[in-house]
Amino acid sequence: MHRLFAGLRPPPAIRQRLAGIMHGVPGARWQGDDQLHITLRFIGQVDRRAAEDAAHALAAIRFAPLSLHIAGVGGFDVRGRPNALWAGIQPRDAIGQLHRKIDQALVRIGLEPEHRAYLPHITLARLGRSAGPVDRWLADHAGLATDAFDIDAMILFKSHLGREGALYEAVERYPLTG
């Protein structure tokens, strides 16, 4: 079985900027540089054939390169308990259109459609029960913003879950050429 997702890899300067704010919450599991990405569509656990079908479906997608920037931070929670911190991605329209194209292509090959609302972001930290409060961190970094950065490829990633978190392996790279 393969645990897959389609995503984008921000350039090194953006990842370095994010690394500069990844501290200040006791007990947070901050992501490593190799984990920083923007998920376009989680595919999930699939067998080899479905993985190959997904790779072919992604290869057929045509989409223009993206110009994105970081805008603000936020958090996800489960039943009121914070479980992740993230940096937001703007503008949402173009990346949202790419997300929908990917979702449609994957549904055509028999995968379930994405049911969650799409919020483009880069996960910065995972928060377990022992993590400290996040309100101060969120307030301190609410104005986070970067210059625009260009993305010219989407990537099919394989996720390997381990004790230290997920390791992501780029399986295939698909140029965004319009």
N, C-alpha and C. Protein backbone atom coordinates (compact mmCIF):
# COMPACT_ATOMS: atom_id res chain seq x y z
N MET A 1 0.84 -1.18 0.00
CA MET A 1 0.00 0.00 0.00
C MET A 1 0.89 1.25 0.00
N HIS A 2 0.36 2.28 -0.65
CA HIS A 2 1.07 3.54 -0.75
C HIS A 2 0.20 4.65 -0.19
N ARG A 3 0.76 5.49 0.68
CA ARG A 3 0.05 6.65 1.24
C ARG A 3 0.51 7.87 0.45
N LEU A 4 -0.38 8.44 -0.37
CA LEU A 4 0.01 9.46 -1.33
C LEU A 4 -0.73 10.78 -1.15
N PHE A 5 -0.10 11.85 -1.63
CA PHE A 5 -0.78 13.13 -1.76
C PHE A 5 -0.09 13.95 -2.85
N ALA A 6 -0.85 14.84 -3.45
CA ALA A 6 -0.30 15.78 -4.43
C ALA A 6 -0.02 17.08 -3.70
N GLY A 7 1.13 17.69 -3.98
CA GLY A 7 1.48 18.91 -3.27
C GLY A 7 2.43 19.80 -4.04
N LEU A 8 2.76 20.89 -3.39
CA LEU A 8 3.69 21.88 -3.93
C LEU A 8 4.80 22.08 -2.92
N ARG A 9 6.00 22.32 -3.40
CA ARG A 9 7.16 22.54 -2.54
C ARG A 9 7.57 24.00 -2.63
N PRO A 10 7.45 24.76 -1.53
CA PRO A 10 7.89 26.15 -1.58
C PRO A 10 9.41 26.24 -1.77
N PRO A 11 9.88 27.34 -2.35
CA PRO A 11 11.32 27.48 -2.57
C PRO A 11 12.10 27.61 -1.26
N PRO A 12 13.42 27.37 -1.32
CA PRO A 12 14.24 27.40 -0.10
C PRO A 12 14.13 28.69 0.71
N ALA A 13 14.07 29.84 0.07
CA ALA A 13 14.00 31.11 0.82
C ALA A 13 12.72 31.19 1.65
N ILE A 14 11.64 30.68 1.13
CA ILE A 14 10.37 30.69 1.87
C ILE A 14 10.44 29.70 3.03
N ARG A 15 10.99 28.52 2.77
CA ARG A 15 11.11 27.53 3.85
C ARG A 15 12.02 28.07 4.97
N GLN A 16 13.07 28.78 4.59
CA GLN A 16 13.98 29.35 5.58
C GLN A 16 13.26 30.42 6.41
N ARG A 17 12.46 31.23 5.75
CA ARG A 17 11.70 32.27 6.47
C ARG A 17 10.75 31.61 7.47
N LEU A 18 10.09 30.54 7.06
CA LEU A 18 9.18 29.84 7.97
C LEU A 18 9.93 29.22 9.14
N ALA A 19 11.10 28.66 8.86
CA ALA A 19 11.90 28.06 9.93
C ALA A 19 12.22 29.08 11.02
N GLY A 20 12.33 30.35 10.64
CA GLY A 20 12.64 31.40 11.60
C GLY A 20 11.56 31.67 12.62
N ILE A 21 10.33 31.23 12.36
CA ILE A 21 9.25 31.44 13.33
C ILE A 21 8.81 30.13 14.00
N MET A 22 9.48 29.05 13.67
CA MET A 22 9.07 27.75 14.17
C MET A 22 9.73 27.45 15.52
N HIS A 23 9.23 28.17 16.53
CA HIS A 23 9.67 28.00 17.92
C HIS A 23 8.68 28.75 18.80
N GLY A 24 8.76 28.53 20.08
CA GLY A 24 7.97 29.33 21.00
C GLY A 24 6.70 28.68 21.53
N VAL A 25 6.44 27.44 21.15
CA VAL A 25 5.30 26.71 21.72
C VAL A 25 5.86 25.44 22.35
N PRO A 26 5.93 25.39 23.68
CA PRO A 26 6.48 24.21 24.33
C PRO A 26 5.73 22.94 23.92
N GLY A 27 6.50 21.90 23.63
CA GLY A 27 5.91 20.61 23.29
C GLY A 27 5.45 20.47 21.85
N ALA A 28 5.54 21.54 21.05
CA ALA A 28 5.16 21.45 19.64
C ALA A 28 6.19 20.60 18.89
N ARG A 29 5.72 19.83 17.92
CA ARG A 29 6.61 19.06 17.04
C ARG A 29 6.72 19.86 15.75
N TRP A 30 7.74 20.70 15.67
CA TRP A 30 7.95 21.56 14.51
C TRP A 30 8.39 20.72 13.32
N GLN A 31 7.91 21.05 12.16
CA GLN A 31 8.23 20.32 10.94
C GLN A 31 9.66 20.62 10.51
N GLY A 32 10.32 19.63 9.92
CA GLY A 32 11.64 19.84 9.36
C GLY A 32 11.52 20.44 7.96
N ASP A 33 12.61 20.96 7.45
CA ASP A 33 12.61 21.58 6.13
C ASP A 33 12.04 20.63 5.07
N ASP A 34 12.40 19.36 5.14
CA ASP A 34 11.93 18.40 4.13
C ASP A 34 10.44 18.07 4.25
N GLN A 35 9.80 18.54 5.32
CA GLN A 35 8.37 18.30 5.50
C GLN A 35 7.50 19.48 5.07
N LEU A 36 8.09 20.62 4.79
CA LEU A 36 7.32 21.82 4.46
C LEU A 36 6.80 21.75 3.03
N HIS A 37 5.49 21.75 2.91
CA HIS A 37 4.84 21.64 1.60
C HIS A 37 3.42 22.20 1.69
N ILE A 38 2.81 22.38 0.55
CA ILE A 38 1.41 22.77 0.46
C ILE A 38 0.67 21.57 -0.13
N THR A 39 -0.22 20.98 0.62
CA THR A 39 -1.00 19.86 0.11
C THR A 39 -2.04 20.38 -0.87
N LEU A 40 -2.08 19.78 -2.05
CA LEU A 40 -3.12 20.09 -3.02
C LEU A 40 -4.30 19.13 -2.87
N ARG A 41 -3.98 17.86 -2.66
CA ARG A 41 -5.04 16.84 -2.52
C ARG A 41 -4.46 15.61 -1.86
N PHE A 42 -5.01 15.23 -0.72
CA PHE A 42 -4.62 13.99 -0.06
C PHE A 42 -5.28 12.84 -0.82
N ILE A 43 -4.49 11.87 -1.20
CA ILE A 43 -5.00 10.71 -1.94
C ILE A 43 -5.28 9.56 -0.98
N GLY A 44 -4.39 9.35 -0.03
CA GLY A 44 -4.59 8.32 0.98
C GLY A 44 -3.89 7.02 0.66
N GLN A 45 -4.30 5.97 1.37
CA GLN A 45 -3.72 4.63 1.21
C GLN A 45 -4.31 3.98 -0.04
N VAL A 46 -3.46 3.67 -0.99
CA VAL A 46 -3.92 3.02 -2.22
C VAL A 46 -2.97 1.89 -2.58
N ASP A 47 -3.49 0.93 -3.34
CA ASP A 47 -2.63 -0.15 -3.81
C ASP A 47 -1.80 0.33 -5.00
N ARG A 48 -0.92 -0.53 -5.49
CA ARG A 48 0.01 -0.15 -6.56
C ARG A 48 -0.73 0.31 -7.80
N ARG A 49 -1.77 -0.41 -8.18
CA ARG A 49 -2.50 -0.04 -9.39
C ARG A 49 -3.16 1.33 -9.26
N ALA A 50 -3.81 1.58 -8.13
CA ALA A 50 -4.43 2.89 -7.92
C ALA A 50 -3.38 3.99 -7.86
N ALA A 51 -2.21 3.68 -7.30
CA ALA A 51 -1.12 4.67 -7.26
C ALA A 51 -0.67 5.01 -8.68
N GLU A 52 -0.55 3.99 -9.52
CA GLU A 52 -0.17 4.24 -10.92
C GLU A 52 -1.25 5.02 -11.65
N ASP A 53 -2.51 4.70 -11.41
CA ASP A 53 -3.61 5.44 -12.03
C ASP A 53 -3.60 6.90 -11.59
N ALA A 54 -3.35 7.12 -10.31
CA ALA A 54 -3.29 8.49 -9.79
C ALA A 54 -2.14 9.26 -10.45
N ALA A 55 -0.99 8.60 -10.59
CA ALA A 55 0.16 9.25 -11.23
C ALA A 55 -0.17 9.64 -12.67
N HIS A 56 -0.84 8.76 -13.40
CA HIS A 56 -1.23 9.07 -14.79
C HIS A 56 -2.26 10.20 -14.83
N ALA A 57 -3.20 10.20 -13.90
CA ALA A 57 -4.22 11.26 -13.86
C ALA A 57 -3.58 12.62 -13.60
N LEU A 58 -2.62 12.65 -12.69
CA LEU A 58 -1.93 13.91 -12.39
C LEU A 58 -1.11 14.38 -13.59
N ALA A 59 -0.49 13.45 -14.30
CA ALA A 59 0.32 13.81 -15.46
C ALA A 59 -0.50 14.47 -16.56
N ALA A 60 -1.78 14.17 -16.61
CA ALA A 60 -2.65 14.72 -17.66
C ALA A 60 -3.17 16.12 -17.34
N ILE A 61 -2.96 16.59 -16.12
CA ILE A 61 -3.48 17.91 -15.73
C ILE A 61 -2.61 19.00 -16.32
N ARG A 62 -3.26 19.97 -16.91
CA ARG A 62 -2.58 21.16 -17.45
C ARG A 62 -3.02 22.35 -16.60
N PHE A 63 -2.03 23.08 -16.10
CA PHE A 63 -2.32 24.24 -15.28
C PHE A 63 -1.13 25.19 -15.35
N ALA A 64 -1.40 26.46 -15.32
CA ALA A 64 -0.34 27.47 -15.40
C ALA A 64 0.47 27.50 -14.10
N PRO A 65 1.73 27.94 -14.20
CA PRO A 65 2.51 28.13 -12.97
C PRO A 65 1.78 29.08 -12.02
N LEU A 66 2.07 28.93 -10.74
CA LEU A 66 1.39 29.72 -9.71
C LEU A 66 2.34 30.76 -9.13
N SER A 67 1.80 31.91 -8.80
CA SER A 67 2.51 32.92 -8.03
C SER A 67 1.77 33.05 -6.71
N LEU A 68 2.41 32.65 -5.63
CA LEU A 68 1.79 32.57 -4.32
C LEU A 68 2.58 33.41 -3.31
N HIS A 69 2.01 33.63 -2.16
CA HIS A 69 2.74 34.23 -1.05
C HIS A 69 2.14 33.75 0.27
N ILE A 70 2.94 33.84 1.31
CA ILE A 70 2.49 33.49 2.65
C ILE A 70 1.73 34.69 3.21
N ALA A 71 0.60 34.42 3.84
CA ALA A 71 -0.21 35.48 4.44
C ALA A 71 -0.85 34.98 5.73
N GLY A 72 -0.25 35.32 6.85
CA GLY A 72 -0.83 34.99 8.14
C GLY A 72 -0.57 33.58 8.61
N VAL A 73 -1.02 33.31 9.81
CA VAL A 73 -0.88 31.98 10.42
C VAL A 73 -2.23 31.59 11.01
N GLY A 74 -2.34 30.34 11.35
CA GLY A 74 -3.57 29.86 11.97
C GLY A 74 -3.33 28.52 12.62
N GLY A 75 -4.40 27.92 13.06
CA GLY A 75 -4.30 26.62 13.70
C GLY A 75 -5.52 25.78 13.40
N PHE A 76 -5.33 24.49 13.45
CA PHE A 76 -6.44 23.54 13.37
C PHE A 76 -6.65 22.97 14.76
N ASP A 77 -7.87 22.56 15.03
CA ASP A 77 -8.13 21.93 16.31
C ASP A 77 -9.09 20.77 16.11
N VAL A 78 -9.10 19.91 17.10
CA VAL A 78 -10.05 18.79 17.16
C VAL A 78 -10.81 18.96 18.46
N ARG A 79 -12.12 19.15 18.34
CA ARG A 79 -12.99 19.35 19.51
C ARG A 79 -12.44 20.41 20.47
N GLY A 80 -11.98 21.52 19.89
CA GLY A 80 -11.52 22.64 20.69
C GLY A 80 -10.09 22.57 21.17
N ARG A 81 -9.40 21.46 20.89
CA ARG A 81 -8.00 21.31 21.32
C ARG A 81 -7.10 21.50 20.11
N PRO A 82 -6.20 22.52 20.14
CA PRO A 82 -5.31 22.76 18.99
C PRO A 82 -4.47 21.51 18.67
N ASN A 83 -4.37 21.20 17.36
CA ASN A 83 -3.52 20.06 16.99
C ASN A 83 -2.52 20.37 15.89
N ALA A 84 -2.56 21.59 15.32
CA ALA A 84 -1.59 21.97 14.30
C ALA A 84 -1.52 23.48 14.17
N LEU A 85 -0.34 23.98 13.79
CA LEU A 85 -0.14 25.38 13.45
C LEU A 85 0.28 25.45 12.00
N TRP A 86 -0.18 26.49 11.29
CA TRP A 86 0.11 26.58 9.86
C TRP A 86 0.31 28.03 9.42
N ALA A 87 0.92 28.17 8.24
CA ALA A 87 1.07 29.45 7.55
C ALA A 87 0.13 29.42 6.36
N GLY A 88 -0.63 30.49 6.19
CA GLY A 88 -1.62 30.55 5.12
C GLY A 88 -1.01 30.89 3.76
N ILE A 89 -1.68 30.44 2.70
CA ILE A 89 -1.25 30.67 1.32
C ILE A 89 -2.29 31.53 0.61
N GLN A 90 -1.81 32.53 -0.10
CA GLN A 90 -2.66 33.41 -0.92
C GLN A 90 -2.02 33.54 -2.30
N PRO A 91 -2.72 33.90 -3.33
CA PRO A 91 -4.17 33.98 -3.39
C PRO A 91 -4.77 32.58 -3.47
N ARG A 92 -5.97 32.45 -2.94
CA ARG A 92 -6.61 31.13 -2.85
C ARG A 92 -7.31 30.72 -4.14
N ASP A 93 -7.68 31.65 -4.98
CA ASP A 93 -8.46 31.31 -6.18
C ASP A 93 -7.73 30.34 -7.11
N ALA A 94 -6.52 30.70 -7.54
CA ALA A 94 -5.81 29.86 -8.50
C ALA A 94 -5.45 28.50 -7.91
N ILE A 95 -4.94 28.48 -6.70
CA ILE A 95 -4.56 27.20 -6.09
C ILE A 95 -5.82 26.37 -5.82
N GLY A 96 -6.92 27.03 -5.51
CA GLY A 96 -8.20 26.32 -5.33
C GLY A 96 -8.67 25.69 -6.63
N GLN A 97 -8.46 26.38 -7.75
CA GLN A 97 -8.82 25.81 -9.05
C GLN A 97 -7.97 24.58 -9.35
N LEU A 98 -6.67 24.65 -9.04
CA LEU A 98 -5.80 23.49 -9.25
C LEU A 98 -6.25 22.33 -8.37
N HIS A 99 -6.59 22.61 -7.12
CA HIS A 99 -7.10 21.57 -6.22
C HIS A 99 -8.33 20.89 -6.82
N ARG A 100 -9.27 21.68 -7.35
CA ARG A 100 -10.49 21.11 -7.93
C ARG A 100 -10.17 20.26 -9.17
N LYS A 101 -9.24 20.71 -10.01
CA LYS A 101 -8.86 19.91 -11.19
C LYS A 101 -8.28 18.56 -10.77
N ILE A 102 -7.43 18.58 -9.75
CA ILE A 102 -6.84 17.34 -9.25
C ILE A 102 -7.92 16.43 -8.69
N ASP A 103 -8.80 17.00 -7.88
CA ASP A 103 -9.88 16.21 -7.29
C ASP A 103 -10.73 15.56 -8.38
N GLN A 104 -11.11 16.33 -9.39
CA GLN A 104 -11.91 15.78 -10.49
C GLN A 104 -11.18 14.67 -11.23
N ALA A 105 -9.89 14.85 -11.48
CA ALA A 105 -9.11 13.83 -12.18
C ALA A 105 -9.04 12.54 -11.36
N LEU A 106 -8.90 12.67 -10.05
CA LEU A 106 -8.81 11.48 -9.19
C LEU A 106 -10.16 10.79 -9.03
N VAL A 107 -11.22 11.56 -9.02
CA VAL A 107 -12.57 10.97 -8.96
C VAL A 107 -12.84 10.18 -10.24
N ARG A 108 -12.38 10.70 -11.38
CA ARG A 108 -12.59 9.99 -12.65
C ARG A 108 -11.91 8.62 -12.68
N ILE A 109 -10.86 8.43 -11.90
CA ILE A 109 -10.20 7.11 -11.88
C ILE A 109 -10.75 6.23 -10.75
N GLY A 110 -11.78 6.72 -10.06
CA GLY A 110 -12.44 5.89 -9.07
C GLY A 110 -12.15 6.20 -7.62
N LEU A 111 -11.37 7.23 -7.33
CA LEU A 111 -11.12 7.59 -5.93
C LEU A 111 -12.27 8.44 -5.40
N GLU A 112 -12.43 8.43 -4.10
CA GLU A 112 -13.47 9.22 -3.45
C GLU A 112 -13.16 10.70 -3.62
N PRO A 113 -14.20 11.53 -3.78
CA PRO A 113 -13.96 12.98 -3.86
C PRO A 113 -13.53 13.53 -2.50
N GLU A 114 -12.85 14.66 -2.55
CA GLU A 114 -12.47 15.36 -1.32
C GLU A 114 -13.73 15.96 -0.71
N HIS A 115 -13.99 15.70 0.55
CA HIS A 115 -15.19 16.20 1.19
C HIS A 115 -14.93 17.42 2.09
N ARG A 116 -13.68 17.62 2.46
CA ARG A 116 -13.34 18.75 3.33
C ARG A 116 -13.15 20.02 2.49
N ALA A 117 -13.44 21.16 3.10
CA ALA A 117 -13.17 22.44 2.44
C ALA A 117 -11.65 22.57 2.28
N TYR A 118 -11.23 23.13 1.15
CA TYR A 118 -9.80 23.27 0.89
C TYR A 118 -9.29 24.60 1.44
N LEU A 119 -8.29 24.53 2.30
CA LEU A 119 -7.63 25.70 2.87
C LEU A 119 -6.14 25.56 2.58
N PRO A 120 -5.61 26.28 1.59
CA PRO A 120 -4.19 26.14 1.27
C PRO A 120 -3.31 26.68 2.41
N HIS A 121 -2.39 25.86 2.85
CA HIS A 121 -1.53 26.21 3.98
C HIS A 121 -0.28 25.34 3.97
N ILE A 122 0.67 25.73 4.79
CA ILE A 122 1.86 24.92 5.06
C ILE A 122 1.84 24.60 6.55
N THR A 123 1.75 23.33 6.88
CA THR A 123 1.77 22.93 8.29
C THR A 123 3.16 23.18 8.85
N LEU A 124 3.20 23.90 9.98
CA LEU A 124 4.47 24.24 10.62
C LEU A 124 4.74 23.37 11.84
N ALA A 125 3.68 22.99 12.56
CA ALA A 125 3.86 22.20 13.79
C ALA A 125 2.66 21.31 14.02
N ARG A 126 2.92 20.17 14.61
CA ARG A 126 1.89 19.27 15.12
C ARG A 126 1.88 19.44 16.63
N LEU A 127 0.69 19.41 17.19
CA LEU A 127 0.54 19.65 18.62
C LEU A 127 -0.13 18.46 19.29
N GLY A 128 0.59 17.86 20.19
CA GLY A 128 0.01 16.77 20.99
C GLY A 128 -0.64 17.34 22.24
N ARG A 129 -1.14 16.46 23.07
CA ARG A 129 -1.81 16.89 24.31
C ARG A 129 -0.89 17.67 25.23
N SER A 130 0.41 17.42 25.15
CA SER A 130 1.34 18.07 26.07
C SER A 130 1.84 19.42 25.56
N ALA A 131 1.41 19.84 24.38
CA ALA A 131 1.87 21.11 23.84
C ALA A 131 1.33 22.27 24.67
N GLY A 132 2.14 23.31 24.76
CA GLY A 132 1.75 24.50 25.51
C GLY A 132 0.73 25.33 24.76
N PRO A 133 0.31 26.44 25.35
CA PRO A 133 -0.68 27.31 24.72
C PRO A 133 -0.15 27.92 23.42
N VAL A 134 -1.07 28.17 22.47
CA VAL A 134 -0.67 28.67 21.15
C VAL A 134 -1.13 30.11 20.90
N ASP A 135 -1.95 30.67 21.77
CA ASP A 135 -2.52 31.99 21.51
C ASP A 135 -1.45 33.06 21.31
N ARG A 136 -0.43 33.05 22.13
CA ARG A 136 0.64 34.06 22.02
C ARG A 136 1.37 33.91 20.69
N TRP A 137 1.69 32.67 20.31
CA TRP A 137 2.39 32.43 19.03
C TRP A 137 1.53 32.92 17.87
N LEU A 138 0.25 32.60 17.89
CA LEU A 138 -0.65 33.04 16.82
C LEU A 138 -0.70 34.57 16.74
N ALA A 139 -0.76 35.23 17.87
CA ALA A 139 -0.80 36.70 17.89
C ALA A 139 0.52 37.30 17.40
N ASP A 140 1.63 36.72 17.84
CA ASP A 140 2.95 37.25 17.46
C ASP A 140 3.20 37.14 15.96
N HIS A 141 2.61 36.14 15.30
CA HIS A 141 2.91 35.90 13.89
C HIS A 141 1.73 36.13 12.96
N ALA A 142 0.67 36.74 13.48
CA ALA A 142 -0.55 36.97 12.69
C ALA A 142 -0.26 37.76 11.41
N GLY A 143 0.69 38.67 11.45
CA GLY A 143 1.02 39.49 10.28
C GLY A 143 2.06 38.89 9.36
N LEU A 144 2.39 37.63 9.53
CA LEU A 144 3.41 37.01 8.68
C LEU A 144 3.05 37.18 7.21
N ALA A 145 4.00 37.67 6.43
CA ALA A 145 3.79 37.84 5.00
C ALA A 145 5.13 37.71 4.30
N THR A 146 5.09 37.15 3.10
CA THR A 146 6.30 37.05 2.29
C THR A 146 6.03 37.68 0.93
N ASP A 147 7.11 37.93 0.23
CA ASP A 147 6.99 38.32 -1.17
C ASP A 147 6.43 37.13 -1.94
N ALA A 148 5.95 37.41 -3.14
CA ALA A 148 5.43 36.34 -4.00
C ALA A 148 6.55 35.37 -4.37
N PHE A 149 6.19 34.11 -4.49
CA PHE A 149 7.12 33.10 -4.98
C PHE A 149 6.42 32.29 -6.05
N ASP A 150 7.20 31.84 -7.03
CA ASP A 150 6.64 31.10 -8.15
C ASP A 150 6.76 29.60 -7.93
N ILE A 151 5.72 28.90 -8.31
CA ILE A 151 5.69 27.43 -8.27
C ILE A 151 5.46 26.95 -9.69
N ASP A 152 6.40 26.16 -10.21
CA ASP A 152 6.29 25.71 -11.60
C ASP A 152 6.10 24.20 -11.74
N ALA A 153 5.83 23.53 -10.61
CA ALA A 153 5.60 22.08 -10.67
C ALA A 153 4.79 21.63 -9.48
N MET A 154 3.97 20.61 -9.71
CA MET A 154 3.32 19.92 -8.59
C MET A 154 4.02 18.57 -8.46
N ILE A 155 3.89 17.99 -7.29
CA ILE A 155 4.64 16.78 -6.97
C ILE A 155 3.68 15.74 -6.39
N LEU A 156 3.87 14.50 -6.81
CA LEU A 156 3.19 13.37 -6.17
C LEU A 156 4.14 12.89 -5.07
N PHE A 157 3.68 12.97 -3.83
CA PHE A 157 4.47 12.56 -2.68
C PHE A 157 3.97 11.24 -2.12
N LYS A 158 4.92 10.44 -1.64
CA LYS A 158 4.60 9.25 -0.86
C LYS A 158 4.96 9.58 0.58
N SER A 159 4.05 9.30 1.49
CA SER A 159 4.24 9.62 2.89
C SER A 159 4.56 8.34 3.66
N HIS A 160 5.64 8.38 4.41
CA HIS A 160 6.06 7.26 5.26
C HIS A 160 5.88 7.70 6.71
N LEU A 161 4.96 7.07 7.42
CA LEU A 161 4.72 7.44 8.81
C LEU A 161 5.68 6.71 9.73
N GLY A 162 6.25 7.48 10.68
CA GLY A 162 7.18 6.90 11.63
C GLY A 162 7.03 7.55 12.99
N ARG A 163 7.86 7.14 13.92
CA ARG A 163 7.80 7.66 15.29
C ARG A 163 8.06 9.17 15.35
N GLU A 164 8.93 9.66 14.49
CA GLU A 164 9.30 11.07 14.50
C GLU A 164 8.41 11.90 13.59
N GLY A 165 7.33 11.32 13.10
CA GLY A 165 6.45 12.03 12.18
C GLY A 165 6.55 11.45 10.79
N ALA A 166 5.98 12.16 9.84
CA ALA A 166 5.95 11.67 8.47
C ALA A 166 7.21 12.08 7.71
N LEU A 167 7.68 11.18 6.87
CA LEU A 167 8.74 11.48 5.92
C LEU A 167 8.11 11.47 4.54
N TYR A 168 8.45 12.48 3.74
CA TYR A 168 7.83 12.62 2.43
C TYR A 168 8.86 12.35 1.33
N GLU A 169 8.46 11.49 0.42
CA GLU A 169 9.30 11.13 -0.71
C GLU A 169 8.62 11.61 -1.99
N ALA A 170 9.32 12.43 -2.76
CA ALA A 170 8.79 12.88 -4.04
C ALA A 170 8.86 11.70 -5.02
N VAL A 171 7.71 11.28 -5.51
CA VAL A 171 7.63 10.14 -6.42
C VAL A 171 7.68 10.60 -7.87
N GLU A 172 6.97 11.69 -8.16
CA GLU A 172 6.89 12.20 -9.53
C GLU A 172 6.72 13.70 -9.48
N ARG A 173 7.30 14.38 -10.45
CA ARG A 173 7.20 15.84 -10.56
C ARG A 173 6.49 16.16 -11.87
N TYR A 174 5.49 17.04 -11.80
CA TYR A 174 4.70 17.40 -12.98
C TYR A 174 4.83 18.90 -13.21
N PRO A 175 5.46 19.31 -14.31
CA PRO A 175 5.59 20.74 -14.60
C PRO A 175 4.23 21.39 -14.78
N LEU A 176 4.11 22.60 -14.25
CA LEU A 176 2.93 23.41 -14.49
C LEU A 176 3.28 24.31 -15.68
N THR A 177 2.65 24.02 -16.80
CA THR A 177 3.01 24.74 -18.03
C THR A 177 1.83 25.42 -18.70
N GLY A 178 0.64 25.29 -18.11
CA GLY A 178 -0.52 25.99 -18.68
C GLY A 178 -1.15 25.26 -19.76
